[in-house]
C-alpha atoms as a PDB file:
ATOM      1  CA  MET A   1     -14.405 -52.209  36.989  1.00  0.00           C
ATOM      2  CA  SER A   2     -17.095 -49.923  38.429  1.00  0.00           C
ATOM      3  CA  ARG A   3     -16.183 -46.611  40.028  1.00  0.00           C
ATOM      4  CA  ARG A   4     -17.255 -47.906  43.440  1.00  0.00           C
ATOM      5  CA  SER A   5     -15.076 -51.010  43.076  1.00  0.00           C
ATOM      6  CA  GLY A   6     -12.146 -48.811  42.061  1.00  0.00           C
ATOM      7  CA  ILE A   7     -12.544 -46.712  45.202  1.00  0.00           C
ATOM      8  CA  LEU A   8     -12.600 -49.844  47.364  1.00  0.00           C
ATOM      9  CA  GLU A   9      -9.489 -51.207  45.628  1.00  0.00           C
ATOM     10  CA  PHE A  10      -7.677 -47.917  46.242  1.00  0.00           C
ATOM     11  CA  ALA A  11      -8.602 -47.861  49.936  1.00  0.00           C
ATOM     12  CA  VAL A  12      -7.681 -51.506  50.535  1.00  0.00           C
ATOM     13  CA  LEU A  13      -4.255 -51.044  48.956  1.00  0.00           C
ATOM     14  CA  GLY A  14      -3.725 -47.864  50.955  1.00  0.00           C
ATOM     15  CA  LEU A  15      -4.593 -49.493  54.270  1.00  0.00           C
ATOM     16  CA  LEU A  16      -2.446 -52.549  53.554  1.00  0.00           C
ATOM     17  CA  ARG A  17       0.452 -50.279  52.680  1.00  0.00           C
ATOM     18  CA  GLU A  18       0.398 -49.265  56.354  1.00  0.00           C
ATOM     19  CA  SER A  19       0.416 -52.848  57.649  1.00  0.00           C
ATOM     20  CA  PRO A  20      -0.832 -56.369  56.761  1.00  0.00           C
ATOM     21  CA  MET A  21      -4.385 -57.142  57.976  1.00  0.00           C
ATOM     22  CA  HIS A  22      -7.003 -59.843  57.790  1.00  0.00           C
ATOM     23  CA  GLY A  23     -10.442 -59.249  56.310  1.00  0.00           C
ATOM     24  CA  TYR A  24     -12.204 -58.331  59.549  1.00  0.00           C
ATOM     25  CA  GLU A  25      -9.553 -55.739  60.430  1.00  0.00           C
ATOM     26  CA  LEU A  26      -9.766 -54.279  56.936  1.00  0.00           C
ATOM     27  CA  ARG A  27     -13.537 -53.943  57.054  1.00  0.00           C
ATOM     28  CA  LYS A  28     -13.328 -52.343  60.488  1.00  0.00           C
ATOM     29  CA  ARG A  29     -10.789 -49.796  59.272  1.00  0.00           C
ATOM     30  CA  LEU A  30     -12.839 -49.076  56.165  1.00  0.00           C
ATOM     31  CA  ASN A  31     -15.922 -48.451  58.297  1.00  0.00           C
ATOM     32  CA  THR A  32     -14.353 -46.531  61.183  1.00  0.00           C
ATOM     33  CA  SER A  33     -11.431 -44.659  59.627  1.00  0.00           C
ATOM     34  CA  LEU A  34     -12.968 -44.032  56.213  1.00  0.00           C
ATOM     35  CA  GLY A  35     -16.625 -43.233  56.772  1.00  0.00           C
ATOM     36  CA  VAL A  36     -17.393 -43.339  53.052  1.00  0.00           C
ATOM     37  CA  PHE A  37     -17.150 -47.155  53.219  1.00  0.00           C
ATOM     38  CA  ARG A  38     -19.817 -47.749  55.880  1.00  0.00           C
ATOM     39  CA  ALA A  39     -22.119 -49.209  53.229  1.00  0.00           C
ATOM     40  CA  PHE A  40     -19.574 -51.797  52.081  1.00  0.00           C
ATOM     41  CA  SER A  41     -20.105 -55.384  53.187  1.00  0.00           C
ATOM     42  CA  TYR A  42     -17.994 -58.533  53.277  1.00  0.00           C
ATOM     43  CA  GLY A  43     -19.774 -59.416  50.028  1.00  0.00           C
ATOM     44  CA  SER A  44     -17.988 -56.450  48.413  1.00  0.00           C
ATOM     45  CA  LEU A  45     -14.691 -56.690  50.242  1.00  0.00           C
ATOM     46  CA  TYR A  46     -13.720 -60.318  49.684  1.00  0.00           C
ATOM     47  CA  PRO A  47     -14.238 -60.342  45.892  1.00  0.00           C
ATOM     48  CA  CYS A  48     -12.064 -57.207  45.802  1.00  0.00           C
ATOM     49  CA  LEU A  49      -9.355 -58.945  47.851  1.00  0.00           C
ATOM     50  CA  LYS A  50      -9.463 -62.006  45.602  1.00  0.00           C
ATOM     51  CA  THR A  51      -9.069 -59.790  42.527  1.00  0.00           C
ATOM     52  CA  LEU A  52      -6.091 -57.982  44.055  1.00  0.00           C
ATOM     53  CA  VAL A  53      -4.479 -61.324  44.902  1.00  0.00           C
ATOM     54  CA  ALA A  54      -5.089 -62.602  41.351  1.00  0.00           C
ATOM     55  CA  ASN A  55      -3.466 -59.441  39.968  1.00  0.00           C
ATOM     56  CA  GLY A  56      -0.367 -60.054  42.076  1.00  0.00           C
ATOM     57  CA  TRP A  57      -0.866 -56.939  44.209  1.00  0.00           C
ATOM     58  CA  LEU A  58      -1.591 -58.860  47.419  1.00  0.00           C
ATOM     59  CA  ILE A  59      -0.533 -62.182  48.877  1.00  0.00           C
ATOM     60  CA  GLU A  60      -2.427 -64.306  51.385  1.00  0.00           C
ATOM     61  CA  GLU A  61      -0.659 -65.584  54.491  1.00  0.00           C
ATOM     62  CA  PRO A  62      -1.797 -67.693  57.470  1.00  0.00           C
ATOM     63  CA  GLY A  63      -2.971 -65.381  60.216  1.00  0.00           C
ATOM     64  CA  SER A  64      -1.976 -67.609  63.151  1.00  0.00           C
ATOM     65  CA  ALA A  65       0.496 -70.243  64.255  1.00  0.00           C
ATOM     66  CA  PRO A  66       0.324 -73.544  62.291  1.00  0.00           C
ATOM     67  CA  GLU A  67      -1.079 -75.455  65.276  1.00  0.00           C
ATOM     68  CA  ASP A  68      -3.834 -72.866  65.683  1.00  0.00           C
ATOM     69  CA  ALA A  69      -4.681 -73.137  61.988  1.00  0.00           C
ATOM     70  CA  ARG A  70      -4.931 -76.949  62.319  1.00  0.00           C
ATOM     71  CA  ALA A  71      -7.165 -76.585  65.376  1.00  0.00           C
ATOM     72  CA  ALA A  72      -9.437 -74.230  63.459  1.00  0.00           C
ATOM     73  CA  THR A  73      -9.672 -76.727  60.594  1.00  0.00           C
ATOM     74  CA  LEU A  74     -10.526 -79.607  62.955  1.00  0.00           C
ATOM     75  CA  ALA A  75     -13.187 -77.477  64.607  1.00  0.00           C
ATOM     76  CA  GLY A  76     -14.725 -76.739  61.217  1.00  0.00           C
ATOM     77  CA  ARG A  77     -13.717 -73.083  61.345  1.00  0.00           C
ATOM     78  CA  ARG A  78     -11.826 -71.221  58.688  1.00  0.00           C
ATOM     79  CA  ALA A  79      -8.369 -70.015  59.765  1.00  0.00           C
ATOM     80  CA  LYS A  80      -7.852 -66.271  59.410  1.00  0.00           C
ATOM     81  CA  ILE A  81      -6.003 -65.125  56.318  1.00  0.00           C
ATOM     82  CA  VAL A  82      -3.758 -62.082  56.486  1.00  0.00           C
ATOM     83  CA  TYR A  83      -3.372 -59.949  53.358  1.00  0.00           C
ATOM     84  CA  ARG A  84      -0.011 -58.347  52.627  1.00  0.00           C
ATOM     85  CA  LEU A  85       0.894 -55.825  49.930  1.00  0.00           C
ATOM     86  CA  THR A  86       3.455 -57.025  47.374  1.00  0.00           C
ATOM     87  CA  ALA A  87       6.114 -54.876  45.693  1.00  0.00           C
ATOM     88  CA  ASP A  88       3.913 -54.747  42.572  1.00  0.00           C
ATOM     89  CA  GLY A  89       0.989 -53.761  44.766  1.00  0.00           C
ATOM     90  CA  LYS A  90       2.977 -50.866  46.215  1.00  0.00           C
ATOM     91  CA  ASP A  91       3.899 -49.700  42.722  1.00  0.00           C
ATOM     92  CA  HIS A  92       0.259 -49.928  41.626  1.00  0.00           C
ATOM     93  CA  PHE A  93      -0.909 -47.942  44.646  1.00  0.00           C
ATOM     94  CA  GLU A  94       1.698 -45.261  43.896  1.00  0.00           C
ATOM     95  CA  GLU A  95       0.248 -44.972  40.380  1.00  0.00           C
ATOM     96  CA  LEU A  96      -3.270 -44.628  41.774  1.00  0.00           C
ATOM     97  CA  LEU A  97      -2.053 -42.096  44.327  1.00  0.00           C
ATOM     98  CA  ALA A  98      -0.555 -39.921  41.580  1.00  0.00           C
ATOM     99  CA  HIS A  99      -3.821 -39.875  39.585  1.00  0.00           C
ATOM    100  CA  THR A 100      -5.578 -36.485  39.580  1.00  0.00           C
ATOM    101  CA  GLY A 101      -8.291 -36.944  36.934  1.00  0.00           C
ATOM    102  CA  PRO A 102     -11.873 -35.643  37.235  1.00  0.00           C
ATOM    103  CA  ASP A 103     -13.071 -38.809  38.992  1.00  0.00           C
ATOM    104  CA  THR A 104     -10.904 -37.862  42.009  1.00  0.00           C
ATOM    105  CA  TRP A 105     -13.072 -34.771  42.492  1.00  0.00           C
ATOM    106  CA  GLU A 106     -16.334 -36.697  42.894  1.00  0.00           C
ATOM    107  CA  ASP A 107     -17.890 -37.136  46.349  1.00  0.00           C
ATOM    108  CA  GLU A 108     -16.945 -40.717  47.282  1.00  0.00           C
ATOM    109  CA  HIS A 109     -13.635 -40.839  45.457  1.00  0.00           C
ATOM    110  CA  PHE A 110     -12.523 -37.495  46.889  1.00  0.00           C
ATOM    111  CA  ALA A 111     -13.266 -38.668  50.448  1.00  0.00           C
ATOM    112  CA  ALA A 112     -11.149 -41.782  49.912  1.00  0.00           C
ATOM    113  CA  ARG A 113      -8.328 -39.793  48.312  1.00  0.00           C
ATOM    114  CA  PHE A 114      -8.355 -37.239  51.101  1.00  0.00           C
ATOM    115  CA  ALA A 115      -8.047 -40.008  53.713  1.00  0.00           C
ATOM    116  CA  PHE A 116      -4.652 -40.881  52.188  1.00  0.00           C
ATOM    117  CA  PHE A 117      -3.368 -37.340  51.691  1.00  0.00           C
ATOM    118  CA  GLY A 118      -0.675 -38.099  54.278  1.00  0.00           C
ATOM    119  CA  GLN A 119       0.864 -40.462  51.719  1.00  0.00           C
ATOM    120  CA  THR A 120       0.311 -38.115  48.763  1.00  0.00           C
ATOM    121  CA  SER A 121       2.784 -35.598  47.332  1.00  0.00           C
ATOM    122  CA  ARG A 122       1.997 -31.905  47.758  1.00  0.00           C
ATOM    123  CA  ASP A 123       1.542 -31.148  44.046  1.00  0.00           C
ATOM    124  CA  VAL A 124      -0.960 -34.001  43.690  1.00  0.00           C
ATOM    125  CA  ARG A 125      -2.823 -32.841  46.807  1.00  0.00           C
ATOM    126  CA  MET A 126      -3.080 -29.348  45.325  1.00  0.00           C
ATOM    127  CA  ARG A 127      -4.434 -30.586  41.996  1.00  0.00           C
ATOM    128  CA  VAL A 128      -7.055 -32.773  43.697  1.00  0.00           C
ATOM    129  CA  LEU A 129      -8.121 -29.984  46.090  1.00  0.00           C
ATOM    130  CA  GLU A 130      -8.353 -27.383  43.333  1.00  0.00           C
ATOM    131  CA  GLY A 131     -10.239 -29.798  41.090  1.00  0.00           C
ATOM    132  CA  ARG A 132     -12.691 -30.581  43.890  1.00  0.00           C
ATOM    133  CA  ARG A 133     -13.227 -26.875  44.541  1.00  0.00           C
ATOM    134  CA  SER A 134     -13.843 -26.228  40.847  1.00  0.00           C
ATOM    135  CA  ARG A 135     -16.365 -29.078  40.723  1.00  0.00           C
ATOM    136  CA  LEU A 136     -18.224 -27.750  43.780  1.00  0.00           C
ATOM    137  CA  GLU A 137     -18.271 -24.193  42.429  1.00  0.00           C
ATOM    138  CA  GLU A 138     -19.941 -25.548  39.279  1.00  0.00           C
ATOM    139  CA  ARG A 139     -22.441 -27.435  41.434  1.00  0.00           C
ATOM    140  CA  LEU A 140     -23.113 -24.320  43.503  1.00  0.00           C
ATOM    141  CA  GLU A 141     -23.786 -22.243  40.396  1.00  0.00           C
ATOM    142  CA  LYS A 142     -26.310 -24.823  39.170  1.00  0.00           C
ATOM    143  CA  LEU A 143     -28.032 -24.976  42.555  1.00  0.00           C
ATOM    144  CA  ARG A 144     -28.382 -21.193  42.673  1.00  0.00           C
ATOM    145  CA  ALA A 145     -29.766 -21.072  39.135  1.00  0.00           C
ATOM    146  CA  SER A 146     -32.212 -23.887  39.879  1.00  0.00           C
ATOM    147  CA  LEU A 147     -33.373 -22.209  43.061  1.00  0.00           C
ATOM    148  CA  ALA A 148     -33.886 -18.878  41.292  1.00  0.00           C
ATOM    149  CA  ARG A 149     -35.984 -20.540  38.555  1.00  0.00           C
ATOM    150  CA  SER A 150     -38.164 -22.672  40.810  1.00  0.00           C
ATOM    151  CA  ARG A 151     -38.407 -20.630  44.026  1.00  0.00           C
ATOM    152  CA  ASP A 152     -42.020 -19.556  43.408  1.00  0.00           C
ATOM    153  CA  ARG A 153     -43.174 -23.106  42.628  1.00  0.00           C
ATOM    154  CA  LEU A 154     -41.657 -24.842  45.685  1.00  0.00           C
ATOM    155  CA  ASP A 155     -43.338 -25.403  49.022  1.00  0.00           C
ATOM    156  CA  ASP A 156     -41.543 -24.265  52.174  1.00  0.00           C
ATOM    157  CA  TYR A 157     -39.992 -27.652  52.971  1.00  0.00           C
ATOM    158  CA  THR A 158     -38.622 -28.297  49.499  1.00  0.00           C
ATOM    159  CA  LEU A 159     -37.281 -24.758  49.429  1.00  0.00           C
ATOM    160  CA  GLU A 160     -35.568 -25.287  52.774  1.00  0.00           C
ATOM    161  CA  LEU A 161     -34.007 -28.526  51.521  1.00  0.00           C
ATOM    162  CA  GLN A 162     -32.607 -26.686  48.496  1.00  0.00           C
ATOM    163  CA  ARG A 163     -31.161 -23.998  50.747  1.00  0.00           C
ATOM    164  CA  HIS A 164     -29.628 -26.629  53.000  1.00  0.00           C
ATOM    165  CA  SER A 165     -27.947 -28.309  50.013  1.00  0.00           C
ATOM    166  CA  MET A 166     -26.592 -24.982  48.850  1.00  0.00           C
ATOM    167  CA  GLU A 167     -25.254 -24.082  52.290  1.00  0.00           C
ATOM    168  CA  SER A 168     -23.536 -27.482  52.570  1.00  0.00           C
ATOM    169  CA  VAL A 169     -21.709 -26.914  49.291  1.00  0.00           C
ATOM    170  CA  GLU A 170     -20.765 -23.370  50.338  1.00  0.00           C
ATOM    171  CA  ARG A 171     -19.307 -24.684  53.606  1.00  0.00           C
ATOM    172  CA  GLU A 172     -17.191 -27.250  51.774  1.00  0.00           C
ATOM    173  CA  VAL A 173     -15.900 -24.617  49.362  1.00  0.00           C
ATOM    174  CA  ARG A 174     -14.809 -22.474  52.330  1.00  0.00           C
ATOM    175  CA  TRP A 175     -13.152 -25.540  53.884  1.00  0.00           C
ATOM    176  CA  LEU A 176     -11.315 -26.271  50.631  1.00  0.00           C
ATOM    177  CA  ASN A 177     -10.181 -22.652  50.386  1.00  0.00           C
ATOM    178  CA  GLY A 178      -8.575 -22.999  53.819  1.00  0.00           C
ATOM    179  CA  LEU A 179      -6.883 -26.280  52.901  1.00  0.00           C
ATOM    180  CA  ILE A 180      -5.550 -24.890  49.633  1.00  0.00           C
ATOM    181  CA  GLU A 181      -4.192 -21.818  51.389  1.00  0.00           C
ATOM    182  CA  SER A 182      -2.502 -24.027  53.993  1.00  0.00           C
ATOM    183  CA  GLU A 183      -0.907 -26.125  51.256  1.00  0.00           C
ATOM    184  CA  ARG A 184       0.358 -23.016  49.467  1.00  0.00           C
ATOM    185  CA  THR A 185       1.876 -21.471  52.572  1.00  0.00           C
ATOM    186  CA  GLY A 186       3.188 -24.746  53.988  1.00  0.00           C
ATOM    187  CA  ARG A 187       1.283 -24.379  57.260  1.00  0.00           C
ATOM    188  CA  ASP A 188       0.717 -27.421  59.477  1.00  0.00           C
ATOM    189  CA  MET A 189      -2.891 -28.493  58.844  1.00  0.00           C
ATOM    190  CA  ARG A 190      -3.519 -29.346  62.510  1.00  0.00           C
ATOM    191  CA  LYS A 191      -2.070 -26.069  63.766  1.00  0.00           C
ATOM    192  CA  ALA A 192      -4.008 -24.105  61.174  1.00  0.00           C
ATOM    193  CA  ALA A 193      -7.240 -25.715  62.373  1.00  0.00           C
ATOM    194  CA  ALA A 194      -6.517 -25.243  66.094  1.00  0.00           C
ATOM    195  CA  PRO A 195      -8.227 -22.361  67.913  1.00  0.00           C
ATOM    196  CA  GLN A 196      -5.933 -19.401  68.412  1.00  0.00           C
ATOM    197  CA  ASP A 197      -4.971 -18.348  71.947  1.00  0.00           C
ATOM    198  CA  THR A 198      -5.569 -14.615  72.151  1.00  0.00           C
ATOM    199  CA  SER A 199      -5.117 -14.326  75.906  1.00  0.00           C
ATOM    200  CA  GLY A 200      -1.429 -13.557  76.060  1.00  0.00           C
ATOM    201  CA  GLU A 201      -1.564 -14.675  79.704  1.00  0.00           C
ATOM    202  CA  THR A 202      -0.860 -17.963  81.430  1.00  0.00           C
ATOM    203  CA  GLY A 203      -4.291 -18.096  82.993  1.00  0.00           C
ATOM    204  CA  GLY A 204      -6.028 -17.886  79.633  1.00  0.00           C
ATOM    205  CA  THR A 205      -7.840 -14.593  80.356  1.00  0.00           C
ATOM    206  CA  PRO A 206      -7.988 -12.371  77.236  1.00  0.00           C
ATOM    207  CA  ARG A 207      -6.220  -9.050  77.465  1.00  0.00           C
ATOM    208  CA  GLY A 208      -8.404  -6.325  78.814  1.00  0.00           C
ATOM    209  CA  ARG A 209     -10.744  -8.747  80.624  1.00  0.00           C
ATOM    210  CA  GLY A 210     -10.862  -9.791  84.245  1.00  0.00           C
ATOM    211  CA  ARG A 211      -9.970  -6.252  85.450  1.00  0.00           C
ATOM    212  CA  SER A 212     -12.357  -3.623  86.701  1.00  0.00           C
ATOM    213  CA  ARG A 213     -12.947  -0.389  84.835  1.00  0.00           C
ATOM    214  CA  THR A 214     -11.072   1.505  87.517  1.00  0.00           C
ATOM    215  CA  ASP A 215      -8.107  -0.905  87.197  1.00  0.00           C
ATOM    216  CA  ARG A 216      -7.955  -0.232  83.477  1.00  0.00           C
ATOM    217  CA  SER A 217      -7.989   3.510  83.977  1.00  0.00           C
ATOM    218  CA  GLY A 218      -4.786   3.287  86.005  1.00  0.00           C
ATOM    219  CA  ASP A 219      -6.007   6.033  88.381  1.00  0.00           C
ATOM    220  CA  THR A 220      -8.296   4.676  91.090  1.00  0.00           C
ATOM    221  CA  ALA A 221      -6.376   1.381  91.351  1.00  0.00           C
ATOM    222  CA  LYS A 222      -3.160   3.134  92.344  1.00  0.00           C
END
């Protein structure tokens, strides 16, 4: 199985763990909820579903009432099939979820893994985050060395592209540092990311603002 197929298998099992879906719903969720799968087509999805069914990890069920399915057949249309995770499929997904090898640190696989961090244990999340950070720090070191060696030979646009790549990696490393710190301290990820209210007042005006200089002095205002 290719790495890309493995990522798709992981995501499909993860989505079906939440609820049964038919193929169209699955593709929509893959495209909208997990942006990394925008390039996947039905030509990739359905062979993956068939493989998961053959392995006993999914079962196919009619997606509508029997009379509706008969009407679809008479009209020459294919009745919708709903895919449901089996007990073996849940066990297999749990095994995949616990995996923290180097492939989980790569770009596409990490994005898919991160999308299911809500279903992942804290120790596994930490290992994946720290592995991803280590991988990006290695990449950043190589980018800096490459830029230092070739700076004088690059035109302005190529040089700017190299700088942009380096800044993107630096931003992700900072983001990962924040996530890792939140995991270590047990902070709520959403609260940690929310802007802090420094006003101290109901109206939202920061302390020391919204008053004249004479008000602040405490002399002229009285």
